[in-house]
């Protein structure tokens, strides 16, 4: 499970470096124009890329084999959490 997270963290680091060094005036065909509209947005995207890479590196160290046992122990709380999230999203949608 660590290999995909390592690959994703390297991709996040590469993307963050790309956002740091790209020219904001570059004409892109995709939705990247919003991220490159100014230098501040470029640096915030770089910071988000670094944070995403650190989060993926932290997730790679977790022991995922114990996750199913934890879910079985906490299934009542998780069910209530999911039900609460669904009801909150419904209330938010009806607002």
PDB file of N, CA and C in Angstrom:
ATOM      1  N   UNK A   1       0.818  -1.197   0.000  1.00  0.00           N
ATOM      2  CA  UNK A   1       0.000   0.000   0.000  1.00  0.00           C
ATOM      3  C   UNK A   1       0.860   1.257   0.000  1.00  0.00           C
ATOM      4  N   UNK A   2       2.139   1.091   0.364  1.00  0.00           N
ATOM      5  CA  UNK A   2       2.988   2.269   0.439  1.00  0.00           C
ATOM      6  C   UNK A   2       3.418   2.771  -0.933  1.00  0.00           C
ATOM      7  N   UNK A   3       3.497   1.898  -1.918  1.00  0.00           N
ATOM      8  CA  UNK A   3       3.943   2.334  -3.234  1.00  0.00           C
ATOM      9  C   UNK A   3       3.004   3.349  -3.879  1.00  0.00           C
ATOM     10  N   UNK A   4       1.671   3.135  -3.846  1.00  0.00           N
ATOM     11  CA  UNK A   4       0.797   4.166  -4.432  1.00  0.00           C
ATOM     12  C   UNK A   4       0.890   5.501  -3.707  1.00  0.00           C
ATOM     13  N   UNK A   5       1.029   5.459  -2.378  1.00  0.00           N
ATOM     14  CA  UNK A   5       1.141   6.718  -1.645  1.00  0.00           C
ATOM     15  C   UNK A   5       2.462   7.410  -1.927  1.00  0.00           C
ATOM     16  N   UNK A   6       3.519   6.640  -2.105  1.00  0.00           N
ATOM     17  CA  UNK A   6       4.795   7.258  -2.473  1.00  0.00           C
ATOM     18  C   UNK A   6       4.696   7.917  -3.844  1.00  0.00           C
ATOM     19  N   UNK A   7       4.050   7.228  -4.769  1.00  0.00           N
ATOM     20  CA  UNK A   7       3.884   7.784  -6.111  1.00  0.00           C
ATOM     21  C   UNK A   7       3.026   9.045  -6.071  1.00  0.00           C
ATOM     22  N   UNK A   8       1.943   9.012  -5.293  1.00  0.00           N
ATOM     23  CA  UNK A   8       1.082  10.193  -5.188  1.00  0.00           C
ATOM     24  C   UNK A   8       1.799  11.356  -4.503  1.00  0.00           C
ATOM     25  N   UNK A   9       2.620  11.072  -3.498  1.00  0.00           N
ATOM     26  CA  UNK A   9       3.338  12.158  -2.839  1.00  0.00           C
ATOM     27  C   UNK A   9       4.391  12.766  -3.764  1.00  0.00           C
ATOM     28  N   UNK A  10       5.046  11.933  -4.581  1.00  0.00           N
ATOM     29  CA  UNK A  10       5.992  12.481  -5.560  1.00  0.00           C
ATOM     30  C   UNK A  10       5.275  13.305  -6.626  1.00  0.00           C
ATOM     31  N   UNK A  11       4.098  12.838  -7.040  1.00  0.00           N
ATOM     32  CA  UNK A  11       3.326  13.604  -8.018  1.00  0.00           C
ATOM     33  C   UNK A  11       2.878  14.933  -7.426  1.00  0.00           C
ATOM     34  N   UNK A  12       2.477  14.929  -6.158  1.00  0.00           N
ATOM     35  CA  UNK A  12       2.070  16.175  -5.504  1.00  0.00           C
ATOM     36  C   UNK A  12       3.241  17.137  -5.379  1.00  0.00           C
ATOM     37  N   UNK A  13       4.419  16.619  -5.063  1.00  0.00           N
ATOM     38  CA  UNK A  13       5.597  17.478  -4.965  1.00  0.00           C
ATOM     39  C   UNK A  13       5.965  18.048  -6.331  1.00  0.00           C
ATOM     40  N   UNK A  14       5.886  17.224  -7.371  1.00  0.00           N
ATOM     41  CA  UNK A  14       6.200  17.719  -8.718  1.00  0.00           C
ATOM     42  C   UNK A  14       5.190  18.777  -9.158  1.00  0.00           C
ATOM     43  N   UNK A  15       3.925  18.551  -8.865  1.00  0.00           N
ATOM     44  CA  UNK A  15       2.907  19.539  -9.224  1.00  0.00           C
ATOM     45  C   UNK A  15       3.097  20.834  -8.457  1.00  0.00           C
ATOM     46  N   UNK A  16       3.488  20.729  -7.187  1.00  0.00           N
ATOM     47  CA  UNK A  16       3.714  21.953  -6.414  1.00  0.00           C
ATOM     48  C   UNK A  16       4.904  22.737  -6.959  1.00  0.00           C
ATOM     49  N   UNK A  17       5.960  22.042  -7.358  1.00  0.00           N
ATOM     50  CA  UNK A  17       7.097  22.746  -7.960  1.00  0.00           C
ATOM     51  C   UNK A  17       6.722  23.369  -9.300  1.00  0.00           C
ATOM     52  N   UNK A  18       5.862  22.683 -10.056  1.00  0.00           N
ATOM     53  CA  UNK A  18       5.406  23.242 -11.326  1.00  0.00           C
ATOM     54  C   UNK A  18       4.620  24.527 -11.094  1.00  0.00           C
ATOM     55  N   UNK A  19       3.751  24.531 -10.087  1.00  0.00           N
ATOM     56  CA  UNK A  19       2.990  25.737  -9.780  1.00  0.00           C
ATOM     57  C   UNK A  19       3.879  26.857  -9.268  1.00  0.00           C
ATOM     58  N   UNK A  20       4.980  26.498  -8.631  1.00  0.00           N
ATOM     59  CA  UNK A  20       5.883  27.526  -8.115  1.00  0.00           C
ATOM     60  C   UNK A  20       6.647  28.214  -9.229  1.00  0.00           C
ATOM     61  N   UNK A  21       7.081  27.454 -10.234  1.00  0.00           N
ATOM     62  CA  UNK A  21       7.949  28.023 -11.256  1.00  0.00           C
ATOM     63  C   UNK A  21       7.252  28.403 -12.553  1.00  0.00           C
ATOM     64  N   UNK A  22       5.959  28.137 -12.691  1.00  0.00           N
ATOM     65  CA  UNK A  22       5.282  28.453 -13.941  1.00  0.00           C
ATOM     66  C   UNK A  22       4.984  29.959 -13.994  1.00  0.00           C
ATOM     67  N   UNK A  23       4.975  30.488 -15.184  1.00  0.00           N
ATOM     68  CA  UNK A  23       4.687  31.901 -15.388  1.00  0.00           C
ATOM     69  C   UNK A  23       3.190  32.127 -15.266  1.00  0.00           C
ATOM     70  N   UNK A  24       2.726  33.066 -14.429  1.00  0.00           N
ATOM     71  CA  UNK A  24       1.288  33.305 -14.292  1.00  0.00           C
ATOM     72  C   UNK A  24       0.622  33.766 -15.582  1.00  0.00           C
ATOM     73  N   UNK A  25       1.371  34.295 -16.512  1.00  0.00           N
ATOM     74  CA  UNK A  25       0.779  34.781 -17.756  1.00  0.00           C
ATOM     75  C   UNK A  25       0.646  33.677 -18.799  1.00  0.00           C
ATOM     76  N   UNK A  26       0.983  32.444 -18.433  1.00  0.00           N
ATOM     77  CA  UNK A  26       0.905  31.337 -19.373  1.00  0.00           C
ATOM     78  C   UNK A  26      -0.539  31.078 -19.758  1.00  0.00           C
ATOM     79  N   UNK A  27      -0.797  30.918 -21.035  1.00  0.00           N
ATOM     80  CA  UNK A  27      -2.139  30.643 -21.507  1.00  0.00           C
ATOM     81  C   UNK A  27      -2.357  29.135 -21.507  1.00  0.00           C
ATOM     82  N   UNK A  28      -3.214  28.671 -20.602  1.00  0.00           N
ATOM     83  CA  UNK A  28      -3.496  27.244 -20.504  1.00  0.00           C
ATOM     84  C   UNK A  28      -4.871  26.948 -21.074  1.00  0.00           C
ATOM     85  N   UNK A  29      -5.042  25.785 -21.637  1.00  0.00           N
ATOM     86  CA  UNK A  29      -6.320  25.387 -22.211  1.00  0.00           C
ATOM     87  C   UNK A  29      -7.274  24.866 -21.147  1.00  0.00           C
ATOM     88  N   UNK A  30      -6.764  24.367 -20.033  1.00  0.00           N
ATOM     89  CA  UNK A  30      -7.604  23.733 -19.025  1.00  0.00           C
ATOM     90  C   UNK A  30      -8.015  24.728 -17.956  1.00  0.00           C
ATOM     91  N   UNK A  31      -8.528  24.204 -16.865  1.00  0.00           N
ATOM     92  CA  UNK A  31      -9.004  25.041 -15.776  1.00  0.00           C
ATOM     93  C   UNK A  31      -7.907  25.570 -14.891  1.00  0.00           C
ATOM     94  N   UNK A  32      -6.657  25.448 -15.267  1.00  0.00           N
ATOM     95  CA  UNK A  32      -5.557  25.940 -14.464  1.00  0.00           C
ATOM     96  C   UNK A  32      -5.413  27.444 -14.488  1.00  0.00           C
ATOM     97  N   UNK A  33      -6.216  28.127 -15.308  1.00  0.00           N
ATOM     98  CA  UNK A  33      -6.108  29.585 -15.394  1.00  0.00           C
ATOM     99  C   UNK A  33      -6.442  30.251 -14.073  1.00  0.00           C
ATOM    100  N   UNK A  34      -7.374  29.689 -13.330  1.00  0.00           N
ATOM    101  CA  UNK A  34      -7.759  30.291 -12.057  1.00  0.00           C
ATOM    102  C   UNK A  34      -6.615  30.203 -11.044  1.00  0.00           C
ATOM    103  N   UNK A  35      -5.862  29.117 -11.081  1.00  0.00           N
ATOM    104  CA  UNK A  35      -4.747  28.964 -10.157  1.00  0.00           C
ATOM    105  C   UNK A  35      -3.583  29.879 -10.516  1.00  0.00           C
ATOM    106  N   UNK A  36      -3.467  30.218 -11.783  1.00  0.00           N
ATOM    107  CA  UNK A  36      -2.317  30.994 -12.232  1.00  0.00           C
ATOM    108  C   UNK A  36      -2.653  32.453 -12.490  1.00  0.00           C
ATOM    109  N   UNK A  37      -3.728  32.947 -11.885  1.00  0.00           N
ATOM    110  CA  UNK A  37      -4.128  34.318 -12.180  1.00  0.00           C
ATOM    111  C   UNK A  37      -3.229  35.339 -11.497  1.00  0.00           C
ATOM    112  N   UNK A  38      -2.440  34.952 -10.543  1.00  0.00           N
ATOM    113  CA  UNK A  38      -1.531  35.884  -9.901  1.00  0.00           C
ATOM    114  C   UNK A  38      -0.477  35.155  -9.114  1.00  0.00           C
ATOM    115  N   UNK A  39       0.559  35.881  -8.687  1.00  0.00           N
ATOM    116  CA  UNK A  39       1.640  35.217  -7.961  1.00  0.00           C
ATOM    117  C   UNK A  39       1.198  34.659  -6.610  1.00  0.00           C
ATOM    118  N   UNK A  40       0.260  35.336  -5.941  1.00  0.00           N
ATOM    119  CA  UNK A  40      -0.201  34.845  -4.648  1.00  0.00           C
ATOM    120  C   UNK A  40      -0.904  33.509  -4.806  1.00  0.00           C
ATOM    121  N   UNK A  41      -1.712  33.378  -5.846  1.00  0.00           N
ATOM    122  CA  UNK A  41      -2.389  32.110  -6.082  1.00  0.00           C
ATOM    123  C   UNK A  41      -1.391  31.020  -6.431  1.00  0.00           C
ATOM    124  N   UNK A  42      -0.335  31.395  -7.120  1.00  0.00           N
ATOM    125  CA  UNK A  42       0.688  30.412  -7.468  1.00  0.00           C
ATOM    126  C   UNK A  42       1.369  29.877  -6.214  1.00  0.00           C
ATOM    127  N   UNK A  43       1.688  30.754  -5.280  1.00  0.00           N
ATOM    128  CA  UNK A  43       2.342  30.307  -4.060  1.00  0.00           C
ATOM    129  C   UNK A  43       1.394  29.540  -3.157  1.00  0.00           C
ATOM    130  N   UNK A  44       0.123  29.897  -3.134  1.00  0.00           N
ATOM    131  CA  UNK A  44      -0.822  29.141  -2.311  1.00  0.00           C
ATOM    132  C   UNK A  44      -1.022  27.750  -2.888  1.00  0.00           C
ATOM    133  N   UNK A  45      -1.015  27.611  -4.211  1.00  0.00           N
ATOM    134  CA  UNK A  45      -1.113  26.286  -4.819  1.00  0.00           C
ATOM    135  C   UNK A  45       0.136  25.478  -4.505  1.00  0.00           C
ATOM    136  N   UNK A  46       1.283  26.126  -4.473  1.00  0.00           N
ATOM    137  CA  UNK A  46       2.509  25.433  -4.118  1.00  0.00           C
ATOM    138  C   UNK A  46       2.445  24.932  -2.680  1.00  0.00           C
ATOM    139  N   UNK A  47       1.953  25.774  -1.782  1.00  0.00           N
ATOM    140  CA  UNK A  47       1.835  25.382  -0.382  1.00  0.00           C
ATOM    141  C   UNK A  47       0.840  24.234  -0.217  1.00  0.00           C
ATOM    142  N   UNK A  48      -0.260  24.271  -0.944  1.00  0.00           N
ATOM    143  CA  UNK A  48      -1.231  23.182  -0.878  1.00  0.00           C
ATOM    144  C   UNK A  48      -0.622  21.889  -1.408  1.00  0.00           C
ATOM    145  N   UNK A  49       0.202  21.972  -2.432  1.00  0.00           N
ATOM    146  CA  UNK A  49       0.875  20.789  -2.953  1.00  0.00           C
ATOM    147  C   UNK A  49       1.835  20.191  -1.952  1.00  0.00           C
ATOM    148  N   UNK A  50       2.550  21.044  -1.254  1.00  0.00           N
ATOM    149  CA  UNK A  50       3.471  20.552  -0.228  1.00  0.00           C
ATOM    150  C   UNK A  50       2.701  19.900   0.911  1.00  0.00           C
ATOM    151  N   UNK A  51       1.611  20.532   1.355  1.00  0.00           N
ATOM    152  CA  UNK A  51       0.794  19.946   2.419  1.00  0.00           C
ATOM    153  C   UNK A  51       0.175  18.625   1.987  1.00  0.00           C
ATOM    154  N   UNK A  52      -0.258  18.546   0.734  1.00  0.00           N
ATOM    155  CA  UNK A  52      -0.829  17.305   0.242  1.00  0.00           C
ATOM    156  C   UNK A  52       0.244  16.213   0.200  1.00  0.00           C
ATOM    157  N   UNK A  53       1.436  16.544  -0.197  1.00  0.00           N
ATOM    158  CA  UNK A  53       2.516  15.574  -0.206  1.00  0.00           C
ATOM    159  C   UNK A  53       2.872  15.092   1.194  1.00  0.00           C
ATOM    160  N   UNK A  54       2.876  16.009   2.156  1.00  0.00           N
ATOM    161  CA  UNK A  54       3.149  15.607   3.534  1.00  0.00           C
ATOM    162  C   UNK A  54       2.038  14.732   4.088  1.00  0.00           C
ATOM    163  N   UNK A  55       0.787  15.061   3.754  1.00  0.00           N
ATOM    164  CA  UNK A  55      -0.333  14.241   4.218  1.00  0.00           C
ATOM    165  C   UNK A  55      -0.276  12.845   3.614  1.00  0.00           C
ATOM    166  N   UNK A  56       0.071  12.740   2.342  1.00  0.00           N
ATOM    167  CA  UNK A  56       0.192  11.425   1.714  1.00  0.00           C
ATOM    168  C   UNK A  56       1.350  10.632   2.302  1.00  0.00           C
ATOM    169  N   UNK A  57       2.438  11.305   2.633  1.00  0.00           N
ATOM    170  CA  UNK A  57       3.557  10.611   3.265  1.00  0.00           C
ATOM    171  C   UNK A  57       3.169  10.118   4.654  1.00  0.00           C
ATOM    172  N   UNK A  58       2.368  10.894   5.372  1.00  0.00           N
ATOM    173  CA  UNK A  58       1.895  10.466   6.686  1.00  0.00           C
ATOM    174  C   UNK A  58       0.942   9.282   6.558  1.00  0.00           C
ATOM    175  N   UNK A  59       0.064   9.313   5.558  1.00  0.00           N
ATOM    176  CA  UNK A  59      -0.860   8.202   5.354  1.00  0.00           C
ATOM    177  C   UNK A  59      -0.143   6.920   4.955  1.00  0.00           C
ATOM    178  N   UNK A  60       0.995   7.050   4.317  1.00  0.00           N
ATOM    179  CA  UNK A  60       1.745   5.865   3.893  1.00  0.00           C
ATOM    180  C   UNK A  60       2.326   5.112   5.083  1.00  0.00           C
ATOM    181  N   UNK A  61       2.498   5.788   6.215  1.00  0.00           N
ATOM    182  CA  UNK A  61       3.063   5.129   7.384  1.00  0.00           C
ATOM    183  C   UNK A  61       2.009   4.413   8.218  1.00  0.00           C
ATOM    184  N   UNK A  62       0.721   4.591   7.921  1.00  0.00           N
ATOM    185  CA  UNK A  62      -0.345   3.971   8.714  1.00  0.00           C
ATOM    186  C   UNK A  62      -0.398   2.469   8.459  1.00  0.00           C
ATOM    187  N   UNK A  63      -0.815   1.727   9.467  1.00  0.00           N
ATOM    188  CA  UNK A  63      -0.981   0.284   9.339  1.00  0.00           C
ATOM    189  C   UNK A  63      -2.415   0.016   8.895  1.00  0.00           C
ATOM    190  N   UNK A  64      -2.603  -0.192   7.601  1.00  0.00           N
ATOM    191  CA  UNK A  64      -3.948  -0.306   7.038  1.00  0.00           C
ATOM    192  C   UNK A  64      -4.564  -1.675   7.283  1.00  0.00           C
ATOM    193  N   UNK A  65      -3.795  -2.646   7.754  1.00  0.00           N
ATOM    194  CA  UNK A  65      -4.363  -3.966   8.012  1.00  0.00           C
ATOM    195  C   UNK A  65      -5.275  -3.967   9.233  1.00  0.00           C
ATOM    196  N   UNK A  66      -5.108  -3.034  10.133  1.00  0.00           N
ATOM    197  CA  UNK A  66      -5.939  -2.951  11.333  1.00  0.00           C
ATOM    198  C   UNK A  66      -7.179  -2.094  11.131  1.00  0.00           C
ATOM    199  N   UNK A  67      -7.355  -1.535   9.945  1.00  0.00           N
ATOM    200  CA  UNK A  67      -8.484  -0.643   9.704  1.00  0.00           C
ATOM    201  C   UNK A  67      -9.815  -1.378   9.759  1.00  0.00           C
ATOM    202  N   UNK A  68      -9.895  -2.583   9.216  1.00  0.00           N
ATOM    203  CA  UNK A  68     -11.161  -3.307   9.209  1.00  0.00           C
ATOM    204  C   UNK A  68     -11.591  -3.677  10.622  1.00  0.00           C
ATOM    205  N   UNK A  69     -10.658  -4.034  11.496  1.00  0.00           N
ATOM    206  CA  UNK A  69     -11.006  -4.338  12.889  1.00  0.00           C
ATOM    207  C   UNK A  69     -11.493  -3.085  13.603  1.00  0.00           C
ATOM    208  N   UNK A  70     -10.902  -1.935  13.315  1.00  0.00           N
ATOM    209  CA  UNK A  70     -11.327  -0.692  13.940  1.00  0.00           C
ATOM    210  C   UNK A  70     -12.728  -0.311  13.474  1.00  0.00           C
ATOM    211  N   UNK A  71     -13.008  -0.511  12.192  1.00  0.00           N
ATOM    212  CA  UNK A  71     -14.345  -0.193  11.662  1.00  0.00           C
ATOM    213  C   UNK A  71     -15.391  -1.085  12.302  1.00  0.00           C
ATOM    214  N   UNK A  72     -15.072  -2.365  12.503  1.00  0.00           N
ATOM    215  CA  UNK A  72     -16.021  -3.259  13.163  1.00  0.00           C
ATOM    216  C   UNK A  72     -16.287  -2.841  14.599  1.00  0.00           C
ATOM    217  N   UNK A  73     -15.264  -2.365  15.292  1.00  0.00           N
ATOM    218  CA  UNK A  73     -15.462  -1.899  16.664  1.00  0.00           C
ATOM    219  C   UNK A  73     -16.268  -0.615  16.730  1.00  0.00           C
ATOM    220  N   UNK A  74     -16.101   0.252  15.750  1.00  0.00           N
ATOM    221  CA  UNK A  74     -16.720   1.565  15.782  1.00  0.00           C
ATOM    222  C   UNK A  74     -17.911   1.683  14.835  1.00  0.00           C
ATOM    223  N   UNK A  75     -18.488   0.582  14.405  1.00  0.00           N
ATOM    224  CA  UNK A  75     -19.522   0.650  13.371  1.00  0.00           C
ATOM    225  C   UNK A  75     -20.754   1.429  13.815  1.00  0.00           C
ATOM    226  N   UNK A  76     -21.115   1.392  15.082  1.00  0.00           N
ATOM    227  CA  UNK A  76     -22.264   2.172  15.558  1.00  0.00           C
ATOM    228  C   UNK A  76     -22.005   3.670  15.458  1.00  0.00           C
ATOM    229  N   UNK A  77     -20.840   4.082  15.900  1.00  0.00           N
ATOM    230  CA  UNK A  77     -20.487   5.505  15.839  1.00  0.00           C
ATOM    231  C   UNK A  77     -20.328   5.970  14.390  1.00  0.00           C
ATOM    232  N   UNK A  78     -19.722   5.117  13.563  1.00  0.00           N
ATOM    233  CA  UNK A  78     -19.548   5.490  12.158  1.00  0.00           C
ATOM    234  C   UNK A  78     -20.897   5.605  11.450  1.00  0.00           C
ATOM    235  N   UNK A  79     -21.825   4.709  11.782  1.00  0.00           N
ATOM    236  CA  UNK A  79     -23.163   4.791  11.195  1.00  0.00           C
ATOM    237  C   UNK A  79     -23.865   6.078  11.571  1.00  0.00           C
ATOM    238  N   UNK A  80     -23.767   6.454  12.851  1.00  0.00           N
ATOM    239  CA  UNK A  80     -24.377   7.717  13.282  1.00  0.00           C
ATOM    240  C   UNK A  80     -23.689   8.919  12.638  1.00  0.00           C
ATOM    241  N   UNK A  81     -22.380   8.833  12.465  1.00  0.00           N
ATOM    242  CA  UNK A  81     -21.642   9.922  11.817  1.00  0.00           C
ATOM    243  C   UNK A  81     -22.071  10.077  10.360  1.00  0.00           C
ATOM    244  N   UNK A  82     -22.222   8.963   9.658  1.00  0.00           N
ATOM    245  CA  UNK A  82     -22.653   9.019   8.258  1.00  0.00           C
ATOM    246  C   UNK A  82     -24.083   9.533   8.153  1.00  0.00           C
ATOM    247  N   UNK A  83     -24.961   9.057   9.048  1.00  0.00           N
ATOM    248  CA  UNK A  83     -26.348   9.538   9.047  1.00  0.00           C
ATOM    249  C   UNK A  83     -26.419  11.030   9.340  1.00  0.00           C
ATOM    250  N   UNK A  84     -25.630  11.487  10.293  1.00  0.00           N
ATOM    251  CA  UNK A  84     -25.584  12.912  10.605  1.00  0.00           C
ATOM    252  C   UNK A  84     -25.065  13.744   9.442  1.00  0.00           C
ATOM    253  N   UNK A  85     -24.059  13.235   8.752  1.00  0.00           N
ATOM    254  CA  UNK A  85     -23.524  13.962   7.599  1.00  0.00           C
ATOM    255  C   UNK A  85     -24.548  14.033   6.477  1.00  0.00           C
ATOM    256  N   UNK A  86     -25.288  12.952   6.253  1.00  0.00           N
ATOM    257  CA  UNK A  86     -26.324  12.973   5.217  1.00  0.00           C
ATOM    258  C   UNK A  86     -27.438  13.954   5.558  1.00  0.00           C
ATOM    259  N   UNK A  87     -27.871  13.959   6.819  1.00  0.00           N
ATOM    260  CA  UNK A  87     -28.927  14.889   7.216  1.00  0.00           C
ATOM    261  C   UNK A  87     -28.443  16.337   7.178  1.00  0.00           C
ATOM    262  N   UNK A  88     -27.197  16.566   7.563  1.00  0.00           N
ATOM    263  CA  UNK A  88     -26.653  17.921   7.501  1.00  0.00           C
ATOM    264  C   UNK A  88     -26.549  18.397   6.060  1.00  0.00           C
ATOM    265  N   UNK A  89     -26.154  17.504   5.154  1.00  0.00           N
ATOM    266  CA  UNK A  89     -26.083  17.903   3.746  1.00  0.00           C
ATOM    267  C   UNK A  89     -27.472  18.164   3.184  1.00  0.00           C
ATOM    268  N   UNK A  90     -28.472  17.414   3.637  1.00  0.00           N
ATOM    269  CA  UNK A  90     -29.845  17.663   3.206  1.00  0.00           C
ATOM    270  C   UNK A  90     -30.335  19.026   3.705  1.00  0.00           C
ATOM    271  N   UNK A  91     -30.056  19.327   4.969  1.00  0.00           N
ATOM    272  CA  UNK A  91     -30.456  20.637   5.508  1.00  0.00           C
ATOM    273  C   UNK A  91     -29.724  21.769   4.793  1.00  0.00           C
ATOM    274  N   UNK A  92     -28.478  21.545   4.468  1.00  0.00           N
ATOM    275  CA  UNK A  92     -27.700  22.566   3.759  1.00  0.00           C
ATOM    276  C   UNK A  92     -28.238  22.768   2.334  1.00  0.00           C
ATOM    277  N   UNK A  93     -28.658  21.677   1.709  1.00  0.00           N
ATOM    278  CA  UNK A  93     -29.184  21.774   0.347  1.00  0.00           C
ATOM    279  C   UNK A  93     -30.541  22.480   0.328  1.00  0.00           C
ATOM    280  N   UNK A  94     -31.332  22.319   1.375  1.00  0.00           N
ATOM    281  CA  UNK A  94     -32.654  22.939   1.438  1.00  0.00           C
ATOM    282  C   UNK A  94     -32.586  24.375   1.935  1.00  0.00           C
ATOM    283  N   UNK A  95     -31.463  24.828   2.332  1.00  0.00           N
ATOM    284  CA  UNK A  95     -31.292  26.189   2.855  1.00  0.00           C
ATOM    285  C   UNK A  95     -31.564  27.152   1.782  1.00  0.00           C
TER     286      UNK A  95
END
